[in-house]
Amino acid sequence: MSEHNPSETSTQAEQDQTHFGFKQVATKDKVNMVADVFHSVAAKYDIMNDLMSMGIHRIWKRYTIDCSGARAGHKVLDLAGGTGDLTAKFSRIVGEKGKVVLADINASMLKVGRDKLRDKGVVGNVEYVQANAEALPFPDNTFDIITISFGLRNVTDKDAAIASMFRVLKPGGRLLILEFSKPTQEWLSKVYDMYSFHILPKMGQLVANDGDSYQYLAESIRMHPDQETLKGMMEAVGFEQTTYHNLTGGIVALHRGFKF
């Protein structure tokens, strides 16, 4: 008869837990909990982005496009692409010989994105795929460029997601991760905390009728790896020439890495 080791049970329990904002939840439940957040906010997502960032998110995204090296004929994966801001721009750049795949795990966000882009006349070279970043449903070496914009922090297993992105990139391809990060100045960090935890949820309640989801989003930012940690995670799966650039004092950072 084998002896029961309490420490093994404890370790297993810890492995079965992950964070949802500041809360600890069962790992198996996190995907659905994040899904509920984005089902709730999808309809007001664009309005809230403009309000939350005072429109600065458009500059961050434009910088990402400028750093992507996208050109005519490229195949681009806009992962966690939500309402399609990056997809619309990439569609124009890659042209009729290129292709952009807007992928998101959340059906509500994908529908809002598809409707928005079709209303703008963005058709022809764009495909829509519901996909989990941790196990992308594409063959190896498919894309010239992958972007994930404000989506990685919501992924349960970030290491698996980054490895999955590496797999589906072509040799010579690049990954760009645009994500909230850690402010580089203490005074900015304090102002940012006050805004995130006292103003943002109230704004979410007023505009999207959902303060709790925006409380989660503020918490999820604090739980996301800092700039150097994320750089190390990219290098651990094989990315090379990995760099990051802080935007708005490190509130946001753009990480880049190449697959060779």
C-alpha atoms as a PDB file:
ATOM      1  CA  MET A   1       0.000   0.000   0.000  1.00  0.00           C
ATOM      2  CA  SER A   2       1.538   3.323  -1.120  1.00  0.00           C
ATOM      3  CA  GLU A   3       1.913   6.209   1.262  1.00  0.00           C
ATOM      4  CA  HIS A   4       0.044   9.420   0.593  1.00  0.00           C
ATOM      5  CA  ASN A   5       2.320  12.438   0.294  1.00  0.00           C
ATOM      6  CA  PRO A   6       0.447  15.622   1.307  1.00  0.00           C
ATOM      7  CA  SER A   7       3.001  17.824  -0.458  1.00  0.00           C
ATOM      8  CA  GLU A   8       2.227  16.139  -3.807  1.00  0.00           C
ATOM      9  CA  THR A   9      -1.463  16.911  -3.391  1.00  0.00           C
ATOM     10  CA  SER A  10      -0.631  20.499  -2.479  1.00  0.00           C
ATOM     11  CA  THR A  11       1.619  20.898  -5.530  1.00  0.00           C
ATOM     12  CA  GLN A  12      -1.046  19.446  -7.795  1.00  0.00           C
ATOM     13  CA  ALA A  13      -3.632  21.826  -6.358  1.00  0.00           C
ATOM     14  CA  GLU A  14      -1.332  24.772  -7.035  1.00  0.00           C
ATOM     15  CA  GLN A  15      -0.823  23.623 -10.630  1.00  0.00           C
ATOM     16  CA  ASP A  16      -4.586  23.409 -11.084  1.00  0.00           C
ATOM     17  CA  GLN A  17      -4.948  27.058 -10.030  1.00  0.00           C
ATOM     18  CA  THR A  18      -4.259  30.223 -11.987  1.00  0.00           C
ATOM     19  CA  HIS A  19      -5.020  33.909 -11.600  1.00  0.00           C
ATOM     20  CA  PHE A  20      -8.079  35.699 -12.892  1.00  0.00           C
ATOM     21  CA  GLY A  21      -7.120  39.248 -12.107  1.00  0.00           C
ATOM     22  CA  PHE A  22      -6.142  39.158  -8.434  1.00  0.00           C
ATOM     23  CA  LYS A  23      -8.283  36.080  -7.699  1.00  0.00           C
ATOM     24  CA  GLN A  24      -7.087  32.475  -7.763  1.00  0.00           C
ATOM     25  CA  VAL A  25      -9.371  30.268  -9.840  1.00  0.00           C
ATOM     26  CA  ALA A  26      -9.322  26.748 -11.247  1.00  0.00           C
ATOM     27  CA  THR A  27      -7.172  26.706 -14.397  1.00  0.00           C
ATOM     28  CA  LYS A  28      -9.916  24.894 -16.308  1.00  0.00           C
ATOM     29  CA  ASP A  29     -12.378  27.694 -15.533  1.00  0.00           C
ATOM     30  CA  LYS A  30     -10.299  30.684 -16.614  1.00  0.00           C
ATOM     31  CA  VAL A  31     -11.015  30.476 -20.358  1.00  0.00           C
ATOM     32  CA  ASN A  32     -14.758  30.673 -19.764  1.00  0.00           C
ATOM     33  CA  MET A  33     -14.388  33.456 -17.202  1.00  0.00           C
ATOM     34  CA  VAL A  34     -12.330  35.554 -19.623  1.00  0.00           C
ATOM     35  CA  ALA A  35     -14.853  34.737 -22.351  1.00  0.00           C
ATOM     36  CA  ASP A  36     -17.667  36.088 -20.188  1.00  0.00           C
ATOM     37  CA  VAL A  37     -15.750  39.368 -19.762  1.00  0.00           C
ATOM     38  CA  PHE A  38     -15.391  39.881 -23.502  1.00  0.00           C
ATOM     39  CA  HIS A  39     -18.904  38.704 -24.341  1.00  0.00           C
ATOM     40  CA  SER A  40     -20.026  41.436 -21.958  1.00  0.00           C
ATOM     41  CA  VAL A  41     -17.839  44.262 -23.268  1.00  0.00           C
ATOM     42  CA  ALA A  42     -17.712  43.427 -27.009  1.00  0.00           C
ATOM     43  CA  ALA A  43     -20.434  45.852 -28.111  1.00  0.00           C
ATOM     44  CA  LYS A  44     -18.813  48.810 -26.322  1.00  0.00           C
ATOM     45  CA  TYR A  45     -15.204  47.707 -26.764  1.00  0.00           C
ATOM     46  CA  ASP A  46     -14.149  50.350 -29.299  1.00  0.00           C
ATOM     47  CA  ILE A  47     -15.834  53.202 -27.441  1.00  0.00           C
ATOM     48  CA  MET A  48     -14.210  52.146 -24.174  1.00  0.00           C
ATOM     49  CA  ASN A  49     -10.781  51.842 -25.820  1.00  0.00           C
ATOM     50  CA  ASP A  50     -10.997  55.435 -26.986  1.00  0.00           C
ATOM     51  CA  LEU A  51     -12.229  56.658 -23.611  1.00  0.00           C
ATOM     52  CA  MET A  52      -9.777  54.622 -21.515  1.00  0.00           C
ATOM     53  CA  SER A  53      -6.705  55.644 -23.476  1.00  0.00           C
ATOM     54  CA  MET A  54      -7.939  59.076 -24.599  1.00  0.00           C
ATOM     55  CA  GLY A  55      -7.404  57.813 -28.135  1.00  0.00           C
ATOM     56  CA  ILE A  56      -3.720  56.998 -27.572  1.00  0.00           C
ATOM     57  CA  HIS A  57      -4.311  53.302 -28.343  1.00  0.00           C
ATOM     58  CA  ARG A  58      -4.514  54.321 -32.012  1.00  0.00           C
ATOM     59  CA  ILE A  59      -0.944  55.677 -31.839  1.00  0.00           C
ATOM     60  CA  TRP A  60       0.285  52.489 -30.131  1.00  0.00           C
ATOM     61  CA  LYS A  61      -1.315  50.380 -32.865  1.00  0.00           C
ATOM     62  CA  ARG A  62       0.054  52.591 -35.638  1.00  0.00           C
ATOM     63  CA  TYR A  63       3.549  52.183 -34.160  1.00  0.00           C
ATOM     64  CA  THR A  64       3.042  48.398 -34.164  1.00  0.00           C
ATOM     65  CA  ILE A  65       2.086  48.471 -37.846  1.00  0.00           C
ATOM     66  CA  ASP A  66       5.123  50.642 -38.623  1.00  0.00           C
ATOM     67  CA  CYS A  67       7.408  48.124 -36.850  1.00  0.00           C
ATOM     68  CA  SER A  68       5.872  45.084 -38.525  1.00  0.00           C
ATOM     69  CA  GLY A  69       7.680  45.285 -41.840  1.00  0.00           C
ATOM     70  CA  ALA A  70       4.431  44.281 -43.559  1.00  0.00           C
ATOM     71  CA  ARG A  71       4.402  44.563 -47.321  1.00  0.00           C
ATOM     72  CA  ALA A  72       2.382  43.457 -50.331  1.00  0.00           C
ATOM     73  CA  GLY A  73       1.846  39.711 -50.555  1.00  0.00           C
ATOM     74  CA  HIS A  74       2.517  38.956 -46.886  1.00  0.00           C
ATOM     75  CA  LYS A  75       0.392  36.594 -44.791  1.00  0.00           C
ATOM     76  CA  VAL A  76      -0.436  38.175 -41.427  1.00  0.00           C
ATOM     77  CA  LEU A  77      -2.082  36.705 -38.327  1.00  0.00           C
ATOM     78  CA  ASP A  78      -3.813  39.329 -36.160  1.00  0.00           C
ATOM     79  CA  LEU A  79      -4.234  37.193 -33.046  1.00  0.00           C
ATOM     80  CA  ALA A  80      -6.719  38.216 -30.356  1.00  0.00           C
ATOM     81  CA  GLY A  81      -7.578  40.729 -33.060  1.00  0.00           C
ATOM     82  CA  GLY A  82     -10.908  41.646 -31.511  1.00  0.00           C
ATOM     83  CA  THR A  83     -12.647  44.398 -33.412  1.00  0.00           C
ATOM     84  CA  GLY A  84     -10.082  44.446 -36.201  1.00  0.00           C
ATOM     85  CA  ASP A  85      -8.152  47.723 -35.875  1.00  0.00           C
ATOM     86  CA  LEU A  86      -4.864  46.144 -36.948  1.00  0.00           C
ATOM     87  CA  THR A  87      -6.517  43.843 -39.484  1.00  0.00           C
ATOM     88  CA  ALA A  88      -7.997  46.815 -41.369  1.00  0.00           C
ATOM     89  CA  LYS A  89      -4.578  48.438 -41.717  1.00  0.00           C
ATOM     90  CA  PHE A  90      -2.776  45.206 -42.613  1.00  0.00           C
ATOM     91  CA  SER A  91      -5.422  44.424 -45.233  1.00  0.00           C
ATOM     92  CA  ARG A  92      -4.560  47.592 -47.138  1.00  0.00           C
ATOM     93  CA  ILE A  93      -0.804  46.972 -46.874  1.00  0.00           C
ATOM     94  CA  VAL A  94      -0.684  43.311 -47.987  1.00  0.00           C
ATOM     95  CA  GLY A  95      -3.084  43.883 -50.879  1.00  0.00           C
ATOM     96  CA  GLU A  96      -4.959  41.374 -52.980  1.00  0.00           C
ATOM     97  CA  LYS A  97      -1.996  38.968 -53.182  1.00  0.00           C
ATOM     98  CA  GLY A  98      -1.632  38.919 -49.395  1.00  0.00           C
ATOM     99  CA  LYS A  99      -3.888  37.627 -46.653  1.00  0.00           C
ATOM    100  CA  VAL A 100      -4.809  38.678 -43.126  1.00  0.00           C
ATOM    101  CA  VAL A 101      -6.338  36.250 -40.634  1.00  0.00           C
ATOM    102  CA  LEU A 102      -8.269  37.912 -37.819  1.00  0.00           C
ATOM    103  CA  ALA A 103      -8.298  35.325 -35.042  1.00  0.00           C
ATOM    104  CA  ASP A 104      -9.925  35.595 -31.632  1.00  0.00           C
ATOM    105  CA  ILE A 105     -10.992  33.030 -29.050  1.00  0.00           C
ATOM    106  CA  ASN A 106     -14.142  35.010 -28.329  1.00  0.00           C
ATOM    107  CA  ALA A 107     -17.073  34.640 -30.744  1.00  0.00           C
ATOM    108  CA  SER A 108     -18.681  37.934 -29.690  1.00  0.00           C
ATOM    109  CA  MET A 109     -15.511  39.920 -30.338  1.00  0.00           C
ATOM    110  CA  LEU A 110     -15.002  38.144 -33.665  1.00  0.00           C
ATOM    111  CA  LYS A 111     -18.548  38.995 -34.766  1.00  0.00           C
ATOM    112  CA  VAL A 112     -18.121  42.675 -33.837  1.00  0.00           C
ATOM    113  CA  GLY A 113     -14.829  42.739 -35.739  1.00  0.00           C
ATOM    114  CA  ARG A 114     -16.261  41.032 -38.824  1.00  0.00           C
ATOM    115  CA  ASP A 115     -19.293  43.338 -38.955  1.00  0.00           C
ATOM    116  CA  LYS A 116     -17.152  46.444 -38.441  1.00  0.00           C
ATOM    117  CA  LEU A 117     -14.661  45.533 -41.168  1.00  0.00           C
ATOM    118  CA  ARG A 118     -17.362  44.586 -43.653  1.00  0.00           C
ATOM    119  CA  ASP A 119     -19.089  47.911 -42.996  1.00  0.00           C
ATOM    120  CA  LYS A 120     -15.757  49.596 -43.820  1.00  0.00           C
ATOM    121  CA  GLY A 121     -15.500  47.594 -47.049  1.00  0.00           C
ATOM    122  CA  VAL A 122     -12.593  45.463 -45.816  1.00  0.00           C
ATOM    123  CA  VAL A 123     -13.263  42.214 -47.680  1.00  0.00           C
ATOM    124  CA  GLY A 124     -11.464  39.857 -50.019  1.00  0.00           C
ATOM    125  CA  ASN A 125      -8.122  39.289 -48.342  1.00  0.00           C
ATOM    126  CA  VAL A 126      -9.364  38.859 -44.748  1.00  0.00           C
ATOM    127  CA  GLU A 127     -10.369  35.590 -43.083  1.00  0.00           C
ATOM    128  CA  TYR A 128     -11.969  35.159 -39.649  1.00  0.00           C
ATOM    129  CA  VAL A 129     -11.017  32.261 -37.395  1.00  0.00           C
ATOM    130  CA  GLN A 130     -12.101  31.478 -33.851  1.00  0.00           C
ATOM    131  CA  ALA A 131      -8.906  30.171 -32.283  1.00  0.00           C
ATOM    132  CA  ASN A 132      -7.189  29.582 -28.963  1.00  0.00           C
ATOM    133  CA  ALA A 133      -3.719  31.178 -28.921  1.00  0.00           C
ATOM    134  CA  GLU A 134      -2.352  28.225 -26.944  1.00  0.00           C
ATOM    135  CA  ALA A 135      -3.063  25.789 -29.808  1.00  0.00           C
ATOM    136  CA  LEU A 136      -3.296  27.681 -33.083  1.00  0.00           C
ATOM    137  CA  PRO A 137      -5.130  25.720 -35.827  1.00  0.00           C
ATOM    138  CA  PHE A 138      -2.634  26.526 -38.589  1.00  0.00           C
ATOM    139  CA  PRO A 139       0.187  24.533 -40.210  1.00  0.00           C
ATOM    140  CA  ASP A 140       3.817  25.154 -39.283  1.00  0.00           C
ATOM    141  CA  ASN A 141       5.542  28.047 -41.050  1.00  0.00           C
ATOM    142  CA  THR A 142       2.356  29.747 -42.304  1.00  0.00           C
ATOM    143  CA  PHE A 143       2.679  33.467 -41.504  1.00  0.00           C
ATOM    144  CA  ASP A 144       5.178  36.211 -42.276  1.00  0.00           C
ATOM    145  CA  ILE A 145       3.948  38.329 -39.363  1.00  0.00           C
ATOM    146  CA  ILE A 146       1.974  37.670 -36.187  1.00  0.00           C
ATOM    147  CA  THR A 147       0.618  40.429 -33.978  1.00  0.00           C
ATOM    148  CA  ILE A 148      -1.174  40.052 -30.670  1.00  0.00           C
ATOM    149  CA  SER A 149      -2.480  43.337 -29.356  1.00  0.00           C
ATOM    150  CA  PHE A 150      -3.732  43.583 -25.755  1.00  0.00           C
ATOM    151  CA  GLY A 151      -4.579  39.890 -25.754  1.00  0.00           C
ATOM    152  CA  LEU A 152      -1.664  37.954 -24.291  1.00  0.00           C
ATOM    153  CA  ARG A 153      -2.398  38.922 -20.690  1.00  0.00           C
ATOM    154  CA  ASN A 154      -5.781  37.142 -20.944  1.00  0.00           C
ATOM    155  CA  VAL A 155      -4.230  33.852 -22.081  1.00  0.00           C
ATOM    156  CA  THR A 156      -4.047  31.166 -19.391  1.00  0.00           C
ATOM    157  CA  ASP A 157      -0.792  29.517 -20.527  1.00  0.00           C
ATOM    158  CA  LYS A 158       1.277  32.316 -22.041  1.00  0.00           C
ATOM    159  CA  ASP A 159       4.319  30.117 -22.635  1.00  0.00           C
ATOM    160  CA  ALA A 160       2.228  27.680 -24.684  1.00  0.00           C
ATOM    161  CA  ALA A 161       0.744  30.572 -26.662  1.00  0.00           C
ATOM    162  CA  ILE A 162       4.135  32.084 -27.501  1.00  0.00           C
ATOM    163  CA  ALA A 163       5.423  28.634 -28.537  1.00  0.00           C
ATOM    164  CA  SER A 164       2.352  28.153 -30.726  1.00  0.00           C
ATOM    165  CA  MET A 165       2.987  31.515 -32.415  1.00  0.00           C
ATOM    166  CA  PHE A 166       6.617  30.550 -32.999  1.00  0.00           C
ATOM    167  CA  ARG A 167       5.512  27.305 -34.655  1.00  0.00           C
ATOM    168  CA  VAL A 168       3.184  28.931 -37.195  1.00  0.00           C
ATOM    169  CA  LEU A 169       5.600  31.723 -38.148  1.00  0.00           C
ATOM    170  CA  LYS A 170       7.679  31.260 -41.269  1.00  0.00           C
ATOM    171  CA  PRO A 171      11.468  31.310 -40.894  1.00  0.00           C
ATOM    172  CA  GLY A 172      12.385  34.990 -41.122  1.00  0.00           C
ATOM    173  CA  GLY A 173       8.985  35.971 -39.755  1.00  0.00           C
ATOM    174  CA  ARG A 174       8.410  38.251 -36.803  1.00  0.00           C
ATOM    175  CA  LEU A 175       6.125  38.368 -33.796  1.00  0.00           C
ATOM    176  CA  LEU A 176       4.932  41.656 -32.327  1.00  0.00           C
ATOM    177  CA  ILE A 177       3.298  41.684 -28.880  1.00  0.00           C
ATOM    178  CA  LEU A 178       1.615  44.963 -27.957  1.00  0.00           C
ATOM    179  CA  GLU A 179       0.550  44.800 -24.339  1.00  0.00           C
ATOM    180  CA  PHE A 180       0.138  46.776 -21.155  1.00  0.00           C
ATOM    181  CA  SER A 181       3.326  46.596 -19.123  1.00  0.00           C
ATOM    182  CA  LYS A 182       5.096  48.157 -16.140  1.00  0.00           C
ATOM    183  CA  PRO A 183       5.549  51.971 -15.947  1.00  0.00           C
ATOM    184  CA  THR A 184       9.182  52.976 -15.740  1.00  0.00           C
ATOM    185  CA  GLN A 185       8.654  55.877 -13.291  1.00  0.00           C
ATOM    186  CA  GLU A 186       7.279  55.492  -9.761  1.00  0.00           C
ATOM    187  CA  TRP A 187       5.165  58.660  -9.954  1.00  0.00           C
ATOM    188  CA  LEU A 188       3.573  57.434 -13.190  1.00  0.00           C
ATOM    189  CA  SER A 189       2.903  54.042 -11.637  1.00  0.00           C
ATOM    190  CA  LYS A 190       1.022  55.694  -8.756  1.00  0.00           C
ATOM    191  CA  VAL A 191      -1.081  57.876 -11.065  1.00  0.00           C
ATOM    192  CA  TYR A 192      -1.769  54.860 -13.290  1.00  0.00           C
ATOM    193  CA  ASP A 193      -2.861  52.738 -10.307  1.00  0.00           C
ATOM    194  CA  MET A 194      -5.252  55.443  -9.126  1.00  0.00           C
ATOM    195  CA  TYR A 195      -6.755  55.736 -12.602  1.00  0.00           C
ATOM    196  CA  SER A 196      -6.971  51.963 -13.154  1.00  0.00           C
ATOM    197  CA  PHE A 197      -8.612  51.023  -9.874  1.00  0.00           C
ATOM    198  CA  HIS A 198     -10.736  54.073  -9.087  1.00  0.00           C
ATOM    199  CA  ILE A 199     -11.756  55.609 -12.418  1.00  0.00           C
ATOM    200  CA  LEU A 200     -11.660  52.794 -14.963  1.00  0.00           C
ATOM    201  CA  PRO A 201     -14.256  50.489 -13.316  1.00  0.00           C
ATOM    202  CA  LYS A 202     -16.634  53.441 -12.858  1.00  0.00           C
ATOM    203  CA  MET A 203     -16.186  54.361 -16.508  1.00  0.00           C
ATOM    204  CA  GLY A 204     -16.902  50.748 -17.463  1.00  0.00           C
ATOM    205  CA  GLN A 205     -20.056  50.795 -15.363  1.00  0.00           C
ATOM    206  CA  LEU A 206     -21.306  54.030 -16.918  1.00  0.00           C
ATOM    207  CA  VAL A 207     -20.495  53.249 -20.556  1.00  0.00           C
ATOM    208  CA  ALA A 208     -20.600  49.453 -20.818  1.00  0.00           C
ATOM    209  CA  ASN A 209     -22.822  48.780 -17.770  1.00  0.00           C
ATOM    210  CA  ASP A 210     -20.109  46.457 -16.490  1.00  0.00           C
ATOM    211  CA  GLY A 211     -17.722  47.757 -13.862  1.00  0.00           C
ATOM    212  CA  ASP A 212     -16.605  44.264 -12.803  1.00  0.00           C
ATOM    213  CA  SER A 213     -15.142  43.405 -16.215  1.00  0.00           C
ATOM    214  CA  TYR A 214     -13.060  46.566 -16.227  1.00  0.00           C
ATOM    215  CA  GLN A 215     -11.931  45.860 -12.667  1.00  0.00           C
ATOM    216  CA  TYR A 216     -10.705  42.486 -13.977  1.00  0.00           C
ATOM    217  CA  LEU A 217      -8.943  44.147 -16.917  1.00  0.00           C
ATOM    218  CA  ALA A 218      -7.115  46.517 -14.549  1.00  0.00           C
ATOM    219  CA  GLU A 219      -6.087  43.585 -12.342  1.00  0.00           C
ATOM    220  CA  SER A 220      -5.015  41.432 -15.305  1.00  0.00           C
ATOM    221  CA  ILE A 221      -2.569  44.155 -16.364  1.00  0.00           C
ATOM    222  CA  ARG A 222      -0.872  43.999 -12.944  1.00  0.00           C
ATOM    223  CA  MET A 223      -0.545  40.218 -13.181  1.00  0.00           C
ATOM    224  CA  HIS A 224       1.077  40.325 -16.636  1.00  0.00           C
ATOM    225  CA  PRO A 225       4.850  39.712 -16.844  1.00  0.00           C
ATOM    226  CA  ASP A 226       7.044  42.808 -16.910  1.00  0.00           C
ATOM    227  CA  GLN A 227       9.088  43.813 -19.951  1.00  0.00           C
ATOM    228  CA  GLU A 228      12.211  41.763 -19.224  1.00  0.00           C
ATOM    229  CA  THR A 229      10.254  38.685 -18.137  1.00  0.00           C
ATOM    230  CA  LEU A 230       8.198  38.653 -21.344  1.00  0.00           C
ATOM    231  CA  LYS A 231      11.364  39.115 -23.411  1.00  0.00           C
ATOM    232  CA  GLY A 232      12.826  36.063 -21.665  1.00  0.00           C
ATOM    233  CA  MET A 233       9.677  34.026 -22.329  1.00  0.00           C
ATOM    234  CA  MET A 234       9.964  34.795 -26.049  1.00  0.00           C
ATOM    235  CA  GLU A 235      13.629  33.811 -26.122  1.00  0.00           C
ATOM    236  CA  ALA A 236      12.879  30.576 -24.235  1.00  0.00           C
ATOM    237  CA  VAL A 237      10.776  29.228 -27.136  1.00  0.00           C
ATOM    238  CA  GLY A 238      13.307  30.224 -29.793  1.00  0.00           C
ATOM    239  CA  PHE A 239      12.738  33.854 -30.751  1.00  0.00           C
ATOM    240  CA  GLU A 240      15.907  35.768 -31.607  1.00  0.00           C
ATOM    241  CA  GLN A 241      16.871  39.449 -31.825  1.00  0.00           C
ATOM    242  CA  THR A 242      14.150  40.007 -29.226  1.00  0.00           C
ATOM    243  CA  THR A 243      13.654  43.618 -28.183  1.00  0.00           C
ATOM    244  CA  TYR A 244      11.008  45.799 -26.577  1.00  0.00           C
ATOM    245  CA  HIS A 245      10.142  49.454 -26.786  1.00  0.00           C
ATOM    246  CA  ASN A 246       8.291  51.237 -23.986  1.00  0.00           C
ATOM    247  CA  LEU A 247       5.396  53.452 -25.023  1.00  0.00           C
ATOM    248  CA  THR A 248       3.789  56.115 -22.821  1.00  0.00           C
ATOM    249  CA  GLY A 249       6.332  55.616 -20.054  1.00  0.00           C
ATOM    250  CA  GLY A 250       6.059  51.832 -20.038  1.00  0.00           C
ATOM    251  CA  ILE A 251       2.295  51.744 -19.541  1.00  0.00           C
ATOM    252  CA  VAL A 252       2.447  49.822 -22.808  1.00  0.00           C
ATOM    253  CA  ALA A 253       5.364  47.989 -24.394  1.00  0.00           C
ATOM    254  CA  LEU A 254       5.866  46.591 -27.881  1.00  0.00           C
ATOM    255  CA  HIS A 255       7.947  43.386 -27.912  1.00  0.00           C
ATOM    256  CA  ARG A 256       9.442  42.082 -31.156  1.00  0.00           C
ATOM    257  CA  GLY A 257      11.149  38.818 -31.946  1.00  0.00           C
ATOM    258  CA  PHE A 258      12.223  36.928 -35.082  1.00  0.00           C
ATOM    259  CA  LYS A 259      12.133  33.268 -36.036  1.00  0.00           C
ATOM    260  CA  PHE A 260      15.240  32.143 -37.939  1.00  0.00           C
END
